Amino acid sequence: MIRCKSLGSGSTGNATVVQAREGAQVTHLLVDCGLGIRQLDKRLLQAGLTAAQVDALFITHEHADHIGCARQFALRQNIPVYMSHGTYAAIGQPDLGGLLRLVADGVPLVVGAMEVRPFTVPHDAREPLQLSCGDGATRLGLLTDLGHASAHVLEQLAGCATLLLECNHDGGLLAASSYPAFLKRRIGGDWGHLDNEAAADIARALRTSGLKQVVAAHLSEQNNRPDLAREALAAAMGCDPADIAVADGPSGCGWLEA
């Protein structure tokens, strides 16, 4: 069995727990650590977990809302922290007490009962990685912080039953926002963030390879609304908008089984 829960998703901080179970073995991978450590501890407890149950940490890229308290948490818990060489360089190559594990596109790794497959995405970071996680029978994917879905991205996510998917903005709301022109170009560009329609296109493409459940994530508080994200993804998945969960900044979302 494999499932995931967002602890928070958005510009205020991102963190997601992926849990795999094989017999008596239960593995927890924390993907990103963009919250303060006290808030992270609190949200883990709200998810029914303690920090001591986290087996490893995976950092997707160096932006503050994803890296957060990663070093502090990894050192406190004495757990391995996985990231790309580019991400490690971008954060200044800090001393991680021998806990650093460098990972790369297309090179799978095993964390307890879980197989993790990192893959590169087009985003304005040094060497950003997103990932899919599996238990040998089922896979789920985490896909946020990218400007567009390359063929490589779609290939890496084929076969996932559940996908936590960025729906950062609505194109009309972003265009009409008070953001400066350069920031609008950055967000809406090919190396920025996905809008609702681009996210829907990804869901539609992956539905043919077994995608059954999509969660809208990383919504902009200023340039998107949950109802707009739900409508776009529901149209792509052929379901009711009420069936689309949304991961928000304050509470993330509930547990989602792949």
Protein backbone atom coordinates (compact mmCIF):
# COMPACT_ATOMS: atom_id res chain seq x y z
CA MET A 1 0.00 0.00 0.00
CA ILE A 2 1.22 3.49 -0.81
CA ARG A 3 -0.39 6.81 0.00
CA CYS A 4 0.49 10.46 0.45
CA LYS A 5 -0.62 13.54 2.35
CA SER A 6 0.27 17.15 1.70
CA LEU A 7 1.12 18.94 4.94
CA GLY A 8 0.96 22.29 3.17
CA SER A 9 1.13 23.43 -0.44
CA GLY A 10 1.73 26.93 -1.76
CA SER A 11 4.04 29.90 -1.48
CA THR A 12 3.85 29.80 2.34
CA GLY A 13 5.59 26.42 2.41
CA ASN A 14 5.49 22.96 0.89
CA ALA A 15 5.82 19.53 2.48
CA THR A 16 4.31 16.16 1.57
CA VAL A 17 4.53 12.80 3.34
CA VAL A 18 4.57 9.61 1.27
CA GLN A 19 3.91 6.39 3.17
CA ALA A 20 4.59 2.86 1.88
CA ARG A 21 3.70 -0.31 3.72
CA GLU A 22 4.98 -3.83 3.00
CA GLY A 23 3.92 -6.33 5.64
CA ALA A 24 5.11 -5.00 8.98
CA GLN A 25 7.51 -2.51 7.36
CA VAL A 26 6.22 1.06 7.09
CA THR A 27 8.30 3.77 5.41
CA HIS A 28 7.73 7.53 5.49
CA LEU A 29 9.43 9.86 3.01
CA LEU A 30 9.06 13.61 3.58
CA VAL A 31 9.16 15.43 0.25
CA ASP A 32 10.23 19.05 0.75
CA CYS A 33 10.51 20.82 4.05
CA GLY A 34 9.36 24.36 3.37
CA LEU A 35 7.75 24.96 6.77
CA GLY A 36 9.29 26.14 10.01
CA ILE A 37 10.35 23.21 12.14
CA ARG A 38 7.73 23.82 14.84
CA GLN A 39 5.00 24.06 12.24
CA LEU A 40 6.31 20.91 10.55
CA ASP A 41 6.22 18.99 13.84
CA LYS A 42 2.66 20.22 14.45
CA ARG A 43 1.43 19.17 11.03
CA LEU A 44 3.07 15.77 11.26
CA LEU A 45 1.18 15.21 14.50
CA GLN A 46 -2.04 16.32 12.81
CA ALA A 47 -1.34 13.67 10.16
CA GLY A 48 -1.03 11.02 12.88
CA LEU A 49 2.78 10.89 12.73
CA THR A 50 5.77 12.01 14.73
CA ALA A 51 9.03 13.36 13.39
CA ALA A 52 10.71 10.16 14.60
CA GLN A 53 8.68 8.18 12.05
CA VAL A 54 10.15 10.06 9.08
CA ASP A 55 12.79 7.83 7.48
CA ALA A 56 14.22 10.19 4.87
CA LEU A 57 13.86 13.63 3.34
CA PHE A 58 13.74 14.45 -0.40
CA ILE A 59 14.23 18.05 -1.53
CA THR A 60 12.94 18.90 -5.00
CA HIS A 61 14.75 22.23 -5.44
CA GLU A 62 16.32 25.14 -3.61
CA HIS A 63 13.48 27.68 -3.46
CA ALA A 64 12.71 28.81 0.08
CA ASP A 65 9.17 27.46 0.16
CA HIS A 66 10.60 23.97 -0.46
CA ILE A 67 13.96 23.92 1.33
CA GLY A 68 12.78 25.61 4.56
CA CYS A 69 14.09 23.80 7.63
CA ALA A 70 15.50 20.81 5.71
CA ARG A 71 19.01 20.93 7.17
CA GLN A 72 17.77 21.50 10.72
CA PHE A 73 15.23 18.69 10.46
CA ALA A 74 17.61 16.17 8.86
CA LEU A 75 20.32 16.81 11.45
CA ARG A 76 17.88 16.69 14.35
CA GLN A 77 16.36 13.41 13.20
CA ASN A 78 19.63 11.97 11.82
CA ILE A 79 17.98 10.92 8.54
CA PRO A 80 19.33 10.94 4.98
CA VAL A 81 18.44 13.93 2.83
CA TYR A 82 18.19 13.38 -0.93
CA MET A 83 18.64 16.16 -3.48
CA SER A 84 20.31 16.81 -6.81
CA HIS A 85 23.87 18.04 -7.12
CA GLY A 86 22.53 21.31 -8.55
CA THR A 87 20.20 21.85 -5.60
CA TYR A 88 23.02 21.16 -3.14
CA ALA A 89 25.24 23.68 -4.94
CA ALA A 90 22.43 26.25 -5.04
CA ILE A 91 21.97 26.14 -1.25
CA GLY A 92 25.69 26.69 -0.69
CA GLN A 93 26.81 23.09 -0.04
CA PRO A 94 26.11 23.16 3.71
CA ASP A 95 27.53 20.58 6.09
CA LEU A 96 24.86 17.88 6.39
CA GLY A 97 26.80 15.66 8.76
CA GLY A 98 27.23 12.81 6.31
CA LEU A 99 23.48 12.60 5.65
CA LEU A 100 23.56 13.96 2.08
CA ARG A 101 22.56 11.55 -0.70
CA LEU A 102 22.93 12.98 -4.20
CA VAL A 103 20.34 11.82 -6.71
CA ALA A 104 19.80 12.40 -10.40
CA ASP A 105 17.24 12.21 -13.16
CA GLY A 106 16.27 8.68 -14.08
CA VAL A 107 18.26 6.97 -11.33
CA PRO A 108 15.82 5.20 -8.96
CA LEU A 109 16.49 4.78 -5.27
CA VAL A 110 15.02 2.57 -2.58
CA VAL A 111 13.89 3.99 0.75
CA GLY A 112 12.66 1.15 2.95
CA ALA A 113 9.51 -0.27 1.39
CA MET A 114 9.40 2.44 -1.28
CA GLU A 115 10.97 2.86 -4.71
CA VAL A 116 11.51 6.49 -5.68
CA ARG A 117 12.07 7.65 -9.24
CA PRO A 118 13.35 11.24 -9.55
CA PHE A 119 13.04 13.11 -12.83
CA THR A 120 13.97 16.57 -14.09
CA VAL A 121 11.38 19.25 -14.80
CA PRO A 122 11.55 22.62 -16.58
CA HIS A 123 11.65 25.18 -13.76
CA ASP A 124 13.82 28.18 -12.92
CA ALA A 125 15.98 26.38 -10.39
CA ARG A 126 19.50 24.88 -10.58
CA GLU A 127 18.61 21.18 -11.05
CA PRO A 128 14.99 20.65 -9.99
CA LEU A 129 13.62 17.16 -9.56
CA GLN A 130 10.09 15.86 -9.08
CA LEU A 131 9.34 12.22 -8.36
CA SER A 132 7.08 9.22 -8.44
CA CYS A 133 6.92 6.68 -5.62
CA GLY A 134 5.84 3.05 -5.73
CA ASP A 135 5.41 -0.01 -3.55
CA GLY A 136 5.92 -2.57 -6.30
CA ALA A 137 2.24 -2.69 -7.22
CA THR A 138 1.03 0.92 -7.42
CA ARG A 139 2.66 4.30 -8.06
CA LEU A 140 1.80 7.88 -7.21
CA GLY A 141 3.37 11.06 -8.54
CA LEU A 142 4.25 14.48 -7.16
CA LEU A 143 4.44 17.23 -9.77
CA THR A 144 4.71 20.89 -8.78
CA ASP A 145 6.92 23.80 -9.73
CA LEU A 146 7.34 23.49 -13.48
CA GLY A 147 6.53 25.74 -16.41
CA HIS A 148 5.35 23.06 -18.81
CA ALA A 149 5.14 19.30 -19.13
CA SER A 150 7.90 18.01 -21.36
CA ALA A 151 7.61 14.61 -23.02
CA HIS A 152 10.08 13.38 -20.41
CA VAL A 153 7.80 14.47 -17.56
CA LEU A 154 4.80 12.68 -19.05
CA GLU A 155 6.87 9.56 -19.68
CA GLN A 156 8.07 9.46 -16.07
CA LEU A 157 4.55 9.78 -14.67
CA ALA A 158 2.89 7.24 -16.96
CA GLY A 159 1.25 4.52 -14.90
CA CYS A 160 0.71 6.60 -11.76
CA ALA A 161 -2.71 6.07 -10.21
CA THR A 162 -2.64 9.25 -8.09
CA LEU A 163 -1.02 12.60 -8.86
CA LEU A 164 -0.46 15.65 -6.69
CA LEU A 165 -0.45 18.25 -9.47
CA GLU A 166 0.40 21.93 -9.54
CA CYS A 167 -2.45 24.28 -10.49
CA ASN A 168 -0.63 27.48 -9.69
CA HIS A 169 -2.69 30.10 -11.47
CA ASP A 170 -5.56 31.00 -13.73
CA GLY A 171 -4.32 32.76 -16.84
CA GLY A 172 -6.96 35.49 -16.69
CA LEU A 173 -6.46 36.19 -13.00
CA LEU A 174 -2.69 36.39 -13.41
CA ALA A 175 -2.98 38.79 -16.35
CA ALA A 176 -5.33 41.07 -14.38
CA SER A 177 -3.32 40.92 -11.15
CA SER A 178 -1.24 43.70 -9.65
CA TYR A 179 1.95 41.68 -10.13
CA PRO A 180 4.69 43.51 -12.08
CA ALA A 181 5.08 42.51 -15.72
CA PHE A 182 8.38 40.70 -15.18
CA LEU A 183 6.86 38.51 -12.47
CA LYS A 184 3.84 37.69 -14.64
CA ARG A 185 6.23 36.62 -17.41
CA ARG A 186 8.24 34.50 -14.99
CA ILE A 187 5.21 32.74 -13.50
CA GLY A 188 3.46 32.17 -16.81
CA GLY A 189 6.58 31.25 -18.78
CA ASP A 190 7.88 27.85 -19.82
CA TRP A 191 10.18 27.72 -16.77
CA GLY A 192 7.71 29.07 -14.22
CA HIS A 193 4.49 27.47 -13.00
CA LEU A 194 1.54 25.58 -14.45
CA ASP A 195 -1.81 27.26 -14.98
CA ASN A 196 -5.07 25.36 -14.56
CA GLU A 197 -5.43 24.48 -18.22
CA ALA A 198 -1.86 23.21 -18.54
CA ALA A 199 -2.43 21.06 -15.44
CA ALA A 200 -5.66 19.73 -16.96
CA ASP A 201 -3.78 18.81 -20.14
CA ILE A 202 -1.32 16.77 -18.07
CA ALA A 203 -4.13 14.97 -16.26
CA ARG A 204 -5.88 14.28 -19.55
CA ALA A 205 -2.72 12.85 -21.09
CA LEU A 206 -1.94 10.62 -18.08
CA ARG A 207 -5.51 9.39 -17.70
CA THR A 208 -4.94 7.06 -20.66
CA SER A 209 -2.09 5.35 -18.76
CA GLY A 210 -4.03 4.67 -15.57
CA LEU A 211 -4.35 7.96 -13.71
CA LYS A 212 -7.43 7.75 -11.47
CA GLN A 213 -7.05 10.52 -8.90
CA VAL A 214 -5.68 14.07 -9.12
CA VAL A 215 -5.14 16.57 -6.34
CA ALA A 216 -4.80 20.26 -7.16
CA ALA A 217 -1.73 21.69 -5.42
CA HIS A 218 0.46 24.80 -5.14
CA LEU A 219 -2.43 27.21 -5.86
CA SER A 220 -1.57 30.90 -5.84
CA GLU A 221 -3.60 32.77 -3.22
CA GLN A 222 -3.74 35.85 -5.47
CA ASN A 223 -4.02 34.35 -8.95
CA ASN A 224 -6.20 31.26 -8.60
CA ARG A 225 -9.27 29.91 -6.87
CA PRO A 226 -9.98 26.34 -5.76
CA ASP A 227 -13.21 26.21 -7.77
CA LEU A 228 -11.37 27.11 -10.98
CA ALA A 229 -8.71 24.44 -10.41
CA ARG A 230 -11.36 21.85 -9.59
CA GLU A 231 -13.37 22.63 -12.71
CA ALA A 232 -10.34 22.34 -14.99
CA LEU A 233 -9.14 19.05 -13.52
CA ALA A 234 -12.65 17.58 -13.34
CA ALA A 235 -13.16 18.25 -17.04
CA ALA A 236 -9.89 16.43 -17.79
CA MET A 237 -10.70 13.48 -15.52
CA GLY A 238 -14.37 13.15 -16.48
CA CYS A 239 -15.58 13.55 -12.89
CA ASP A 240 -17.49 15.99 -10.72
CA PRO A 241 -15.51 19.02 -9.45
CA ALA A 242 -16.43 17.96 -5.92
CA ASP A 243 -14.35 14.81 -6.46
CA ILE A 244 -11.15 16.86 -6.93
CA ALA A 245 -9.26 17.48 -3.68
CA VAL A 246 -7.25 20.67 -3.19
CA ALA A 247 -4.06 20.90 -1.13
CA ASP A 248 -3.82 24.33 0.47
CA GLY A 249 -1.18 26.23 2.40
CA PRO A 250 -2.58 26.04 5.95
CA SER A 251 -3.53 22.36 6.06
CA GLY A 252 -2.53 20.58 2.85
CA CYS A 253 -5.00 17.77 2.17
CA GLY A 254 -6.11 14.46 3.62
CA TRP A 255 -4.42 11.12 3.10
CA LEU A 256 -4.74 9.88 -0.50
CA GLU A 257 -4.26 6.22 -1.28
CA ALA A 258 -2.89 5.39 -4.73
